[in-house]
Structure formats: C-alpha cells, structure tokens
Amino acid sequence: MEYVYAALILNESGEEINEDNLTSVLDAAGVDVEESRVKALVAALEDVDIEEAIETAAAAPAAGGASAGGSAEGSADEDDSEEEAEEAEAEEDEGEEEEEEASGEGLGDLFG
C-alpha cells in the first residue's frame, strides 16, 4: 500500500508520477524500494485520471446508501433496476477478473 500512497502524495502535490519521484518519496518514508514494483505501478497509472478515480470511489458508497433509504412507493421499480445494475456490475467484474488472470497484471497480484 505504501507504493499507492506515495503515488497519491505525488498526485496531491502536483508532481509527476514517475519512477524517480515515486522512489524518492518511498526512500524518504524509509521504505525498502523494489524497482519492479515501482515500474509496475507507474505503468499501471499511466492512463489513469487519479482525481476521477478518487471521485468515483468516494461516490460509490453514497450511491448505495441513497438507494437503500428510498420510500416504499415505487420500490418494485427500484428493486428491478437495482438488480439489473448489480447483474451488469457482476458481469463487468467477471470480465475484468478474467482479463487480469489472463494478463497477470492485477494490482492485487503486484502489491499483495
């Protein structure tokens, strides 16, 4: 996790997320740096808009809480659309898992 935190620190401070900067942050924090992990993280974050990812992650729990607190009126329609959304999400997750397994490049595989 310290590698991801270092990338978030660089993003927050407006610095470029590259191997040198990431290594510098990790060294300053006293982390034993593994160059392969640094390279993998920089490559994984290359096309990622971190601000958008943070907003999406922060909005996800709020969206789930809002639908759970709905009124009884119209709840059948909400249940149907919620089930459809869950099924679509489950299908997406399965596809992503298959892609990660095939490529072996899931972040969980890289960073424990």
PDB file of N, CA and C in Angstrom:
ATOM      1  N   MET A   1       0.811  -1.197   0.000  1.00  0.00           N
ATOM      2  CA  MET A   1       0.000   0.000   0.000  1.00  0.00           C
ATOM      3  C   MET A   1       0.855   1.261   0.000  1.00  0.00           C
ATOM      4  N   GLU A   2       2.046   1.182   0.552  1.00  0.00           N
ATOM      5  CA  GLU A   2       2.866   2.382   0.623  1.00  0.00           C
ATOM      6  C   GLU A   2       3.222   2.914  -0.765  1.00  0.00           C
ATOM      7  N   TYR A   3       3.272   2.045  -1.758  1.00  0.00           N
ATOM      8  CA  TYR A   3       3.554   2.488  -3.117  1.00  0.00           C
ATOM      9  C   TYR A   3       2.390   3.331  -3.652  1.00  0.00           C
ATOM     10  N   VAL A   4       1.181   2.863  -3.400  1.00  0.00           N
ATOM     11  CA  VAL A   4      -0.007   3.602  -3.840  1.00  0.00           C
ATOM     12  C   VAL A   4      -0.099   4.927  -3.089  1.00  0.00           C
ATOM     13  N   TYR A   5       0.182   4.900  -1.785  1.00  0.00           N
ATOM     14  CA  TYR A   5       0.155   6.142  -1.007  1.00  0.00           C
ATOM     15  C   TYR A   5       1.178   7.138  -1.541  1.00  0.00           C
ATOM     16  N   ALA A   6       2.345   6.652  -1.910  1.00  0.00           N
ATOM     17  CA  ALA A   6       3.372   7.540  -2.464  1.00  0.00           C
ATOM     18  C   ALA A   6       2.880   8.175  -3.763  1.00  0.00           C
ATOM     19  N   ALA A   7       2.190   7.396  -4.587  1.00  0.00           N
ATOM     20  CA  ALA A   7       1.642   7.941  -5.831  1.00  0.00           C
ATOM     21  C   ALA A   7       0.574   8.995  -5.525  1.00  0.00           C
ATOM     22  N   LEU A   8      -0.240   8.750  -4.508  1.00  0.00           N
ATOM     23  CA  LEU A   8      -1.263   9.719  -4.127  1.00  0.00           C
ATOM     24  C   LEU A   8      -0.633  11.005  -3.593  1.00  0.00           C
ATOM     25  N   ILE A   9       0.449  10.887  -2.865  1.00  0.00           N
ATOM     26  CA  ILE A   9       1.161  12.076  -2.366  1.00  0.00           C
ATOM     27  C   ILE A   9       1.677  12.895  -3.545  1.00  0.00           C
ATOM     28  N   LEU A  10       2.283  12.213  -4.511  1.00  0.00           N
ATOM     29  CA  LEU A  10       2.786  12.926  -5.689  1.00  0.00           C
ATOM     30  C   LEU A  10       1.648  13.607  -6.443  1.00  0.00           C
ATOM     31  N   ASN A  11       0.538  12.916  -6.592  1.00  0.00           N
ATOM     32  CA  ASN A  11      -0.614  13.491  -7.287  1.00  0.00           C
ATOM     33  C   ASN A  11      -1.128  14.725  -6.541  1.00  0.00           C
ATOM     34  N   GLU A  12      -1.254  14.611  -5.232  1.00  0.00           N
ATOM     35  CA  GLU A  12      -1.781  15.720  -4.424  1.00  0.00           C
ATOM     36  C   GLU A  12      -0.873  16.937  -4.469  1.00  0.00           C
ATOM     37  N   SER A  13       0.439  16.699  -4.542  1.00  0.00           N
ATOM     38  CA  SER A  13       1.374  17.819  -4.564  1.00  0.00           C
ATOM     39  C   SER A  13       1.621  18.360  -5.972  1.00  0.00           C
ATOM     40  N   GLY A  14       0.982  17.748  -6.966  1.00  0.00           N
ATOM     41  CA  GLY A  14       1.110  18.234  -8.335  1.00  0.00           C
ATOM     42  C   GLY A  14       2.370  17.767  -9.037  1.00  0.00           C
ATOM     43  N   GLU A  15       3.067  16.828  -8.456  1.00  0.00           N
ATOM     44  CA  GLU A  15       4.282  16.300  -9.064  1.00  0.00           C
ATOM     45  C   GLU A  15       3.940  15.173 -10.036  1.00  0.00           C
ATOM     46  N   GLU A  16       4.801  14.979 -11.017  1.00  0.00           N
ATOM     47  CA  GLU A  16       4.607  13.901 -11.980  1.00  0.00           C
ATOM     48  C   GLU A  16       4.848  12.552 -11.297  1.00  0.00           C
ATOM     49  N   ILE A  17       4.003  11.597 -11.611  1.00  0.00           N
ATOM     50  CA  ILE A  17       4.179  10.253 -11.059  1.00  0.00           C
ATOM     51  C   ILE A  17       5.070   9.479 -12.026  1.00  0.00           C
ATOM     52  N   ASN A  18       6.351   9.444 -11.682  1.00  0.00           N
ATOM     53  CA  ASN A  18       7.319   8.691 -12.474  1.00  0.00           C
ATOM     54  C   ASN A  18       8.197   7.886 -11.518  1.00  0.00           C
ATOM     55  N   GLU A  19       9.051   7.059 -12.078  1.00  0.00           N
ATOM     56  CA  GLU A  19       9.852   6.163 -11.251  1.00  0.00           C
ATOM     57  C   GLU A  19      10.763   6.920 -10.277  1.00  0.00           C
ATOM     58  N   ASP A  20      11.404   7.978 -10.736  1.00  0.00           N
ATOM     59  CA  ASP A  20      12.319   8.733  -9.874  1.00  0.00           C
ATOM     60  C   ASP A  20      11.578   9.382  -8.707  1.00  0.00           C
ATOM     61  N   ASN A  21      10.470  10.052  -9.003  1.00  0.00           N
ATOM     62  CA  ASN A  21       9.716  10.732  -7.945  1.00  0.00           C
ATOM     63  C   ASN A  21       9.121   9.736  -6.957  1.00  0.00           C
ATOM     64  N   LEU A  22       8.570   8.645  -7.469  1.00  0.00           N
ATOM     65  CA  LEU A  22       7.983   7.628  -6.605  1.00  0.00           C
ATOM     66  C   LEU A  22       9.048   7.017  -5.698  1.00  0.00           C
ATOM     67  N   THR A  23      10.215   6.733  -6.272  1.00  0.00           N
ATOM     68  CA  THR A  23      11.318   6.171  -5.485  1.00  0.00           C
ATOM     69  C   THR A  23      11.774   7.157  -4.418  1.00  0.00           C
ATOM     70  N   SER A  24      11.825   8.436  -4.752  1.00  0.00           N
ATOM     71  CA  SER A  24      12.244   9.456  -3.786  1.00  0.00           C
ATOM     72  C   SER A  24      11.286   9.529  -2.598  1.00  0.00           C
ATOM     73  N   VAL A  25       9.992   9.489  -2.870  1.00  0.00           N
ATOM     74  CA  VAL A  25       9.000   9.542  -1.788  1.00  0.00           C
ATOM     75  C   VAL A  25       9.132   8.303  -0.904  1.00  0.00           C
ATOM     76  N   LEU A  26       9.265   7.152  -1.532  1.00  0.00           N
ATOM     77  CA  LEU A  26       9.384   5.908  -0.757  1.00  0.00           C
ATOM     78  C   LEU A  26      10.664   5.889   0.073  1.00  0.00           C
ATOM     79  N   ASP A  27      11.769   6.356  -0.522  1.00  0.00           N
ATOM     80  CA  ASP A  27      13.030   6.438   0.231  1.00  0.00           C
ATOM     81  C   ASP A  27      12.882   7.365   1.434  1.00  0.00           C
ATOM     82  N   ALA A  28      12.246   8.506   1.225  1.00  0.00           N
ATOM     83  CA  ALA A  28      12.055   9.475   2.312  1.00  0.00           C
ATOM     84  C   ALA A  28      11.212   8.885   3.438  1.00  0.00           C
ATOM     85  N   ALA A  29      10.315   7.972   3.086  1.00  0.00           N
ATOM     86  CA  ALA A  29       9.464   7.337   4.096  1.00  0.00           C
ATOM     87  C   ALA A  29      10.144   6.135   4.746  1.00  0.00           C
ATOM     88  N   GLY A  30      11.347   5.808   4.280  1.00  0.00           N
ATOM     89  CA  GLY A  30      12.076   4.697   4.874  1.00  0.00           C
ATOM     90  C   GLY A  30      11.634   3.332   4.367  1.00  0.00           C
ATOM     91  N   VAL A  31      11.027   3.306   3.192  1.00  0.00           N
ATOM     92  CA  VAL A  31      10.551   2.049   2.613  1.00  0.00           C
ATOM     93  C   VAL A  31      11.683   1.401   1.825  1.00  0.00           C
ATOM     94  N   ASP A  32      11.815   0.087   1.952  1.00  0.00           N
ATOM     95  CA  ASP A  32      12.748  -0.683   1.147  1.00  0.00           C
ATOM     96  C   ASP A  32      12.158  -0.782  -0.262  1.00  0.00           C
ATOM     97  N   VAL A  33      12.678  -0.026  -1.207  1.00  0.00           N
ATOM     98  CA  VAL A  33      12.066   0.119  -2.531  1.00  0.00           C
ATOM     99  C   VAL A  33      12.438  -1.054  -3.441  1.00  0.00           C
ATOM    100  N   GLU A  34      11.404  -1.629  -4.055  1.00  0.00           N
ATOM    101  CA  GLU A  34      11.592  -2.664  -5.063  1.00  0.00           C
ATOM    102  C   GLU A  34      11.308  -2.021  -6.419  1.00  0.00           C
ATOM    103  N   GLU A  35      12.340  -1.913  -7.240  1.00  0.00           N
ATOM    104  CA  GLU A  35      12.223  -1.217  -8.522  1.00  0.00           C
ATOM    105  C   GLU A  35      11.146  -1.826  -9.414  1.00  0.00           C
ATOM    106  N   SER A  36      10.976  -3.150  -9.355  1.00  0.00           N
ATOM    107  CA  SER A  36       9.965  -3.789 -10.206  1.00  0.00           C
ATOM    108  C   SER A  36       8.558  -3.332  -9.820  1.00  0.00           C
ATOM    109  N   ARG A  37       8.334  -3.139  -8.536  1.00  0.00           N
ATOM    110  CA  ARG A  37       7.018  -2.674  -8.077  1.00  0.00           C
ATOM    111  C   ARG A  37       6.788  -1.218  -8.469  1.00  0.00           C
ATOM    112  N   VAL A  38       7.852  -0.424  -8.407  1.00  0.00           N
ATOM    113  CA  VAL A  38       7.756   0.984  -8.812  1.00  0.00           C
ATOM    114  C   VAL A  38       7.412   1.059 -10.297  1.00  0.00           C
ATOM    115  N   LYS A  39       8.136   0.295 -11.118  1.00  0.00           N
ATOM    116  CA  LYS A  39       7.881   0.302 -12.562  1.00  0.00           C
ATOM    117  C   LYS A  39       6.471  -0.160 -12.870  1.00  0.00           C
ATOM    118  N   ALA A  40       6.023  -1.214 -12.190  1.00  0.00           N
ATOM    119  CA  ALA A  40       4.677  -1.745 -12.433  1.00  0.00           C
ATOM    120  C   ALA A  40       3.601  -0.725 -12.070  1.00  0.00           C
ATOM    121  N   LEU A  41       3.777  -0.023 -10.958  1.00  0.00           N
ATOM    122  CA  LEU A  41       2.784   0.965 -10.539  1.00  0.00           C
ATOM    123  C   LEU A  41       2.745   2.150 -11.497  1.00  0.00           C
ATOM    124  N   VAL A  42       3.908   2.634 -11.887  1.00  0.00           N
ATOM    125  CA  VAL A  42       3.959   3.756 -12.826  1.00  0.00           C
ATOM    126  C   VAL A  42       3.289   3.354 -14.140  1.00  0.00           C
ATOM    127  N   ALA A  43       3.548   2.155 -14.606  1.00  0.00           N
ATOM    128  CA  ALA A  43       2.914   1.679 -15.844  1.00  0.00           C
ATOM    129  C   ALA A  43       1.406   1.540 -15.672  1.00  0.00           C
ATOM    130  N   ALA A  44       0.968   1.043 -14.525  1.00  0.00           N
ATOM    131  CA  ALA A  44      -0.463   0.852 -14.272  1.00  0.00           C
ATOM    132  C   ALA A  44      -1.203   2.183 -14.185  1.00  0.00           C
ATOM    133  N   LEU A  45      -0.540   3.210 -13.693  1.00  0.00           N
ATOM    134  CA  LEU A  45      -1.180   4.518 -13.518  1.00  0.00           C
ATOM    135  C   LEU A  45      -1.019   5.436 -14.725  1.00  0.00           C
ATOM    136  N   GLU A  46      -0.343   4.956 -15.750  1.00  0.00           N
ATOM    137  CA  GLU A  46      -0.027   5.795 -16.904  1.00  0.00           C
ATOM    138  C   GLU A  46      -1.261   6.447 -17.528  1.00  0.00           C
ATOM    139  N   ASP A  47      -2.329   5.705 -17.719  1.00  0.00           N
ATOM    140  CA  ASP A  47      -3.526   6.238 -18.376  1.00  0.00           C
ATOM    141  C   ASP A  47      -4.681   6.450 -17.405  1.00  0.00           C
ATOM    142  N   VAL A  48      -4.379   6.560 -16.114  1.00  0.00           N
ATOM    143  CA  VAL A  48      -5.421   6.706 -15.100  1.00  0.00           C
ATOM    144  C   VAL A  48      -5.521   8.164 -14.665  1.00  0.00           C
ATOM    145  N   ASP A  49      -6.744   8.677 -14.652  1.00  0.00           N
ATOM    146  CA  ASP A  49      -7.005  10.005 -14.099  1.00  0.00           C
ATOM    147  C   ASP A  49      -7.293   9.789 -12.613  1.00  0.00           C
ATOM    148  N   ILE A  50      -6.312  10.054 -11.780  1.00  0.00           N
ATOM    149  CA  ILE A  50      -6.412   9.748 -10.352  1.00  0.00           C
ATOM    150  C   ILE A  50      -7.537  10.535  -9.693  1.00  0.00           C
ATOM    151  N   GLU A  51      -7.694  11.798 -10.054  1.00  0.00           N
ATOM    152  CA  GLU A  51      -8.771  12.604  -9.461  1.00  0.00           C
ATOM    153  C   GLU A  51     -10.130  11.990  -9.769  1.00  0.00           C
ATOM    154  N   GLU A  52     -10.329  11.550 -11.001  1.00  0.00           N
ATOM    155  CA  GLU A  52     -11.596  10.928 -11.394  1.00  0.00           C
ATOM    156  C   GLU A  52     -11.803   9.613 -10.637  1.00  0.00           C
ATOM    157  N   ALA A  53     -10.743   8.837 -10.485  1.00  0.00           N
ATOM    158  CA  ALA A  53     -10.840   7.569  -9.763  1.00  0.00           C
ATOM    159  C   ALA A  53     -11.198   7.790  -8.300  1.00  0.00           C
ATOM    160  N   ILE A  54     -10.650   8.836  -7.702  1.00  0.00           N
ATOM    161  CA  ILE A  54     -10.960   9.153  -6.303  1.00  0.00           C
ATOM    162  C   ILE A  54     -12.412   9.579  -6.174  1.00  0.00           C
ATOM    163  N   GLU A  55     -12.876  10.421  -7.095  1.00  0.00           N
ATOM    164  CA  GLU A  55     -14.271  10.869  -7.057  1.00  0.00           C
ATOM    165  C   GLU A  55     -15.228   9.696  -7.238  1.00  0.00           C
ATOM    166  N   THR A  56     -14.909   8.805  -8.154  1.00  0.00           N
ATOM    167  CA  THR A  56     -15.752   7.635  -8.406  1.00  0.00           C
ATOM    168  C   THR A  56     -15.798   6.739  -7.176  1.00  0.00           C
ATOM    169  N   ALA A  57     -14.648   6.520  -6.562  1.00  0.00           N
ATOM    170  CA  ALA A  57     -14.590   5.661  -5.374  1.00  0.00           C
ATOM    171  C   ALA A  57     -15.336   6.303  -4.208  1.00  0.00           C
ATOM    172  N   ALA A  58     -15.233   7.605  -4.084  1.00  0.00           N
ATOM    173  CA  ALA A  58     -15.908   8.297  -2.988  1.00  0.00           C
ATOM    174  C   ALA A  58     -17.419   8.328  -3.200  1.00  0.00           C
ATOM    175  N   ALA A  59     -17.868   8.371  -4.451  1.00  0.00           N
ATOM    176  CA  ALA A  59     -19.294   8.446  -4.750  1.00  0.00           C
ATOM    177  C   ALA A  59     -19.971   7.090  -4.647  1.00  0.00           C
ATOM    178  N   ALA A  60     -19.250   6.015  -4.819  1.00  0.00           N
ATOM    179  CA  ALA A  60     -19.848   4.673  -4.832  1.00  0.00           C
ATOM    180  C   ALA A  60     -20.594   4.340  -3.540  1.00  0.00           C
ATOM    181  N   PRO A  61     -20.013   4.531  -2.347  1.00  0.00           N
ATOM    182  CA  PRO A  61     -20.765   4.213  -1.131  1.00  0.00           C
ATOM    183  C   PRO A  61     -21.999   5.101  -0.953  1.00  0.00           C
ATOM    184  N   ALA A  62     -21.919   6.352  -1.354  1.00  0.00           N
ATOM    185  CA  ALA A  62     -23.054   7.261  -1.210  1.00  0.00           C
ATOM    186  C   ALA A  62     -24.204   6.831  -2.102  1.00  0.00           C
ATOM    187  N   ALA A  63     -23.909   6.356  -3.290  1.00  0.00           N
ATOM    188  CA  ALA A  63     -24.948   5.916  -4.215  1.00  0.00           C
ATOM    189  C   ALA A  63     -25.672   4.703  -3.651  1.00  0.00           C
ATOM    190  N   GLY A  64     -24.943   3.779  -3.029  1.00  0.00           N
ATOM    191  CA  GLY A  64     -25.570   2.597  -2.436  1.00  0.00           C
ATOM    192  C   GLY A  64     -26.438   2.956  -1.257  1.00  0.00           C
ATOM    193  N   GLY A  65     -26.019   3.917  -0.449  1.00  0.00           N
ATOM    194  CA  GLY A  65     -26.790   4.327   0.716  1.00  0.00           C
ATOM    195  C   GLY A  65     -28.051   5.059   0.331  1.00  0.00           C
ATOM    196  N   ALA A  66     -28.021   5.828  -0.743  1.00  0.00           N
ATOM    197  CA  ALA A  66     -29.188   6.589  -1.165  1.00  0.00           C
ATOM    198  C   ALA A  66     -30.298   5.667  -1.651  1.00  0.00           C
ATOM    199  N   SER A  67     -29.960   4.601  -2.359  1.00  0.00           N
ATOM    200  CA  SER A  67     -30.997   3.711  -2.863  1.00  0.00           C
ATOM    201  C   SER A  67     -31.574   2.865  -1.739  1.00  0.00           C
ATOM    202  N   ALA A  68     -30.803   2.594  -0.722  1.00  0.00           N
ATOM    203  CA  ALA A  68     -31.300   1.786   0.390  1.00  0.00           C
ATOM    204  C   ALA A  68     -32.289   2.561   1.246  1.00  0.00           C
ATOM    205  N   GLY A  69     -32.198   3.886   1.240  1.00  0.00           N
ATOM    206  CA  GLY A  69     -33.061   4.697   2.087  1.00  0.00           C
ATOM    207  C   GLY A  69     -34.305   5.186   1.359  1.00  0.00           C
ATOM    208  N   GLY A  70     -34.636   4.599   0.218  1.00  0.00           N
ATOM    209  CA  GLY A  70     -35.788   5.053  -0.563  1.00  0.00           C
ATOM    210  C   GLY A  70     -37.098   4.714   0.113  1.00  0.00           C
ATOM    211  N   SER A  71     -38.187   5.334  -0.370  1.00  0.00           N
ATOM    212  CA  SER A  71     -39.508   5.094   0.206  1.00  0.00           C
ATOM    213  C   SER A  71     -40.079   3.789  -0.318  1.00  0.00           C
ATOM    214  N   ALA A  72     -41.147   3.318   0.299  1.00  0.00           N
ATOM    215  CA  ALA A  72     -41.786   2.087  -0.126  1.00  0.00           C
ATOM    216  C   ALA A  72     -42.480   2.276  -1.467  1.00  0.00           C
ATOM    217  N   GLU A  73     -42.886   3.491  -1.764  1.00  0.00           N
ATOM    218  CA  GLU A  73     -43.559   3.789  -3.017  1.00  0.00           C
ATOM    219  C   GLU A  73     -42.578   3.658  -4.175  1.00  0.00           C
ATOM    220  N   GLY A  74     -42.938   2.866  -5.162  1.00  0.00           N
ATOM    221  CA  GLY A  74     -42.067   2.670  -6.316  1.00  0.00           C
ATOM    222  C   GLY A  74     -40.885   1.769  -6.028  1.00  0.00           C
ATOM    223  N   SER A  75     -40.918   1.049  -4.938  1.00  0.00           N
ATOM    224  CA  SER A  75     -39.769   0.231  -4.582  1.00  0.00           C
ATOM    225  C   SER A  75     -39.605  -0.969  -5.506  1.00  0.00           C
ATOM    226  N   ALA A  76     -40.672  -1.452  -6.107  1.00  0.00           N
ATOM    227  CA  ALA A  76     -40.561  -2.578  -7.040  1.00  0.00           C
ATOM    228  C   ALA A  76     -39.734  -2.176  -8.252  1.00  0.00           C
ATOM    229  N   ASP A  77     -39.992  -0.974  -8.775  1.00  0.00           N
ATOM    230  CA  ASP A  77     -39.214  -0.495  -9.908  1.00  0.00           C
ATOM    231  C   ASP A  77     -37.755  -0.308  -9.522  1.00  0.00           C
ATOM    232  N   GLU A  78     -37.534   0.233  -8.336  1.00  0.00           N
ATOM    233  CA  GLU A  78     -36.169   0.434  -7.861  1.00  0.00           C
ATOM    234  C   GLU A  78     -35.467  -0.895  -7.683  1.00  0.00           C
ATOM    235  N   ASP A  79     -36.185  -1.893  -7.144  1.00  0.00           N
ATOM    236  CA  ASP A  79     -35.588  -3.215  -6.949  1.00  0.00           C
ATOM    237  C   ASP A  79     -35.187  -3.823  -8.285  1.00  0.00           C
ATOM    238  N   ASP A  80     -36.067  -3.701  -9.299  1.00  0.00           N
ATOM    239  CA  ASP A  80     -35.762  -4.251 -10.612  1.00  0.00           C
ATOM    240  C   ASP A  80     -34.541  -3.576 -11.215  1.00  0.00           C
ATOM    241  N   SER A  81     -34.496  -2.258 -11.168  1.00  0.00           N
ATOM    242  CA  SER A  81     -33.362  -1.553 -11.760  1.00  0.00           C
ATOM    243  C   SER A  81     -32.090  -1.806 -10.957  1.00  0.00           C
ATOM    244  N   GLU A  82     -32.246  -1.935  -9.647  1.00  0.00           N
ATOM    245  CA  GLU A  82     -31.079  -2.226  -8.813  1.00  0.00           C
ATOM    246  C   GLU A  82     -30.530  -3.611  -9.128  1.00  0.00           C
ATOM    247  N   GLU A  83     -31.430  -4.592  -9.305  1.00  0.00           N
ATOM    248  CA  GLU A  83     -30.994  -5.939  -9.648  1.00  0.00           C
ATOM    249  C   GLU A  83     -30.294  -5.950 -11.001  1.00  0.00           C
ATOM    250  N   GLU A  84     -30.841  -5.228 -11.977  1.00  0.00           N
ATOM    251  CA  GLU A  84     -30.220  -5.157 -13.289  1.00  0.00           C
ATOM    252  C   GLU A  84     -28.833  -4.534 -13.194  1.00  0.00           C
ATOM    253  N   ALA A  85     -28.712  -3.485 -12.399  1.00  0.00           N
ATOM    254  CA  ALA A  85     -27.420  -2.822 -12.232  1.00  0.00           C
ATOM    255  C   ALA A  85     -26.413  -3.761 -11.572  1.00  0.00           C
ATOM    256  N   GLU A  86     -26.871  -4.510 -10.567  1.00  0.00           N
ATOM    257  CA  GLU A  86     -25.981  -5.451  -9.891  1.00  0.00           C
ATOM    258  C   GLU A  86     -25.537  -6.554 -10.833  1.00  0.00           C
ATOM    259  N   GLU A  87     -26.466  -7.047 -11.677  1.00  0.00           N
ATOM    260  CA  GLU A  87     -26.106  -8.088 -12.629  1.00  0.00           C
ATOM    261  C   GLU A  87     -25.094  -7.570 -13.643  1.00  0.00           C
ATOM    262  N   ALA A  88     -25.310  -6.365 -14.134  1.00  0.00           N
ATOM    263  CA  ALA A  88     -24.383  -5.773 -15.096  1.00  0.00           C
ATOM    264  C   ALA A  88     -23.009  -5.580 -14.463  1.00  0.00           C
ATOM    265  N   GLU A  89     -23.002  -5.133 -13.206  1.00  0.00           N
ATOM    266  CA  GLU A  89     -21.733  -4.934 -12.491  1.00  0.00           C
ATOM    267  C   GLU A  89     -21.026  -6.262 -12.281  1.00  0.00           C
ATOM    268  N   ALA A  90     -21.773  -7.302 -11.937  1.00  0.00           N
ATOM    269  CA  ALA A  90     -21.190  -8.623 -11.730  1.00  0.00           C
ATOM    270  C   ALA A  90     -20.571  -9.144 -13.025  1.00  0.00           C
ATOM    271  N   GLU A  91     -21.259  -8.926 -14.155  1.00  0.00           N
ATOM    272  CA  GLU A  91     -20.711  -9.345 -15.442  1.00  0.00           C
ATOM    273  C   GLU A  91     -19.434  -8.591 -15.761  1.00  0.00           C
ATOM    274  N   GLU A  92     -19.404  -7.290 -15.478  1.00  0.00           N
ATOM    275  CA  GLU A  92     -18.205  -6.485 -15.704  1.00  0.00           C
ATOM    276  C   GLU A  92     -17.053  -6.999 -14.849  1.00  0.00           C
ATOM    277  N   ASP A  93     -17.353  -7.265 -13.570  1.00  0.00           N
ATOM    278  CA  ASP A  93     -16.321  -7.752 -12.659  1.00  0.00           C
ATOM    279  C   ASP A  93     -15.747  -9.075 -13.142  1.00  0.00           C
ATOM    280  N   GLU A  94     -16.613  -9.978 -13.631  1.00  0.00           N
ATOM    281  CA  GLU A  94     -16.141 -11.264 -14.128  1.00  0.00           C
ATOM    282  C   GLU A  94     -15.222 -11.068 -15.318  1.00  0.00           C
ATOM    283  N   GLY A  95     -15.602 -10.172 -16.221  1.00  0.00           N
ATOM    284  CA  GLY A  95     -14.771  -9.899 -17.389  1.00  0.00           C
ATOM    285  C   GLY A  95     -13.427  -9.322 -17.004  1.00  0.00           C
ATOM    286  N   GLU A  96     -13.429  -8.409 -16.043  1.00  0.00           N
ATOM    287  CA  GLU A  96     -12.181  -7.806 -15.581  1.00  0.00           C
ATOM    288  C   GLU A  96     -11.302  -8.836 -14.896  1.00  0.00           C
ATOM    289  N   GLU A  97     -11.901  -9.703 -14.092  1.00  0.00           N
ATOM    290  CA  GLU A  97     -11.130 -10.737 -13.411  1.00  0.00           C
ATOM    291  C   GLU A  97     -10.490 -11.677 -14.416  1.00  0.00           C
ATOM    292  N   GLU A  98     -11.239 -12.050 -15.461  1.00  0.00           N
ATOM    293  CA  GLU A  98     -10.688 -12.925 -16.486  1.00  0.00           C
ATOM    294  C   GLU A  98      -9.527 -12.245 -17.203  1.00  0.00           C
ATOM    295  N   GLU A  99      -9.673 -10.950 -17.493  1.00  0.00           N
ATOM    296  CA  GLU A  99      -8.593 -10.215 -18.143  1.00  0.00           C
ATOM    297  C   GLU A  99      -7.368 -10.147 -17.244  1.00  0.00           C
ATOM    298  N   GLU A 100      -7.584  -9.870 -15.960  1.00  0.00           N
ATOM    299  CA  GLU A 100      -6.464  -9.782 -15.025  1.00  0.00           C
ATOM    300  C   GLU A 100      -5.770 -11.121 -14.893  1.00  0.00           C
ATOM    301  N   GLU A 101      -6.558 -12.201 -14.812  1.00  0.00           N
ATOM    302  CA  GLU A 101      -5.966 -13.522 -14.686  1.00  0.00           C
ATOM    303  C   GLU A 101      -5.169 -13.864 -15.932  1.00  0.00           C
ATOM    304  N   ALA A 102      -5.703 -13.511 -17.093  1.00  0.00           N
ATOM    305  CA  ALA A 102      -5.025 -13.810 -18.343  1.00  0.00           C
ATOM    306  C   ALA A 102      -3.724 -13.023 -18.460  1.00  0.00           C
ATOM    307  N   SER A 103      -3.733 -11.776 -18.067  1.00  0.00           N
ATOM    308  CA  SER A 103      -2.546 -10.949 -18.204  1.00  0.00           C
ATOM    309  C   SER A 103      -1.641 -11.037 -16.975  1.00  0.00           C
ATOM    310  N   GLY A 104      -2.205 -11.406 -15.825  1.00  0.00           N
ATOM    311  CA  GLY A 104      -1.414 -11.493 -14.606  1.00  0.00           C
ATOM    312  C   GLY A 104      -0.989 -10.144 -14.076  1.00  0.00           C
ATOM    313  N   GLU A 105      -1.682  -9.061 -14.479  1.00  0.00           N
ATOM    314  CA  GLU A 105      -1.248  -7.729 -14.100  1.00  0.00           C
ATOM    315  C   GLU A 105      -2.234  -7.015 -13.191  1.00  0.00           C
ATOM    316  N   GLY A 106      -2.991  -7.740 -12.420  1.00  0.00           N
ATOM    317  CA  GLY A 106      -3.898  -7.088 -11.473  1.00  0.00           C
ATOM    318  C   GLY A 106      -3.098  -6.416 -10.371  1.00  0.00           C
ATOM    319  N   LEU A 107      -3.537  -5.264  -9.913  1.00  0.00           N
ATOM    320  CA  LEU A 107      -2.810  -4.556  -8.863  1.00  0.00           C
ATOM    321  C   LEU A 107      -2.690  -5.398  -7.604  1.00  0.00           C
ATOM    322  N   GLY A 108      -3.708  -6.199  -7.324  1.00  0.00           N
ATOM    323  CA  GLY A 108      -3.641  -7.063  -6.148  1.00  0.00           C
ATOM    324  C   GLY A 108      -2.510  -8.061  -6.245  1.00  0.00           C
ATOM    325  N   ASP A 109      -2.264  -8.574  -7.472  1.00  0.00           N
ATOM    326  CA  ASP A 109      -1.162  -9.514  -7.674  1.00  0.00           C
ATOM    327  C   ASP A 109       0.184  -8.831  -7.459  1.00  0.00           C
ATOM    328  N   LEU A 110       0.258  -7.567  -7.852  1.00  0.00           N
ATOM    329  CA  LEU A 110       1.529  -6.859  -7.763  1.00  0.00           C
ATOM    330  C   LEU A 110       1.861  -6.399  -6.352  1.00  0.00           C
ATOM    331  N   PHE A 111       0.825  -5.985  -5.629  1.00  0.00           N
ATOM    332  CA  PHE A 111       1.084  -5.319  -4.367  1.00  0.00           C
ATOM    333  C   PHE A 111       0.478  -6.021  -3.169  1.00  0.00           C
ATOM    334  N   GLY A 112       0.216  -7.288  -3.292  1.00  0.00           N
ATOM    335  CA  GLY A 112      -0.237  -8.078  -2.167  1.00  0.00           C
ATOM    336  C   GLY A 112      -1.599  -7.793  -1.794  1.00  0.00           C
TER     337      GLY A 112
END
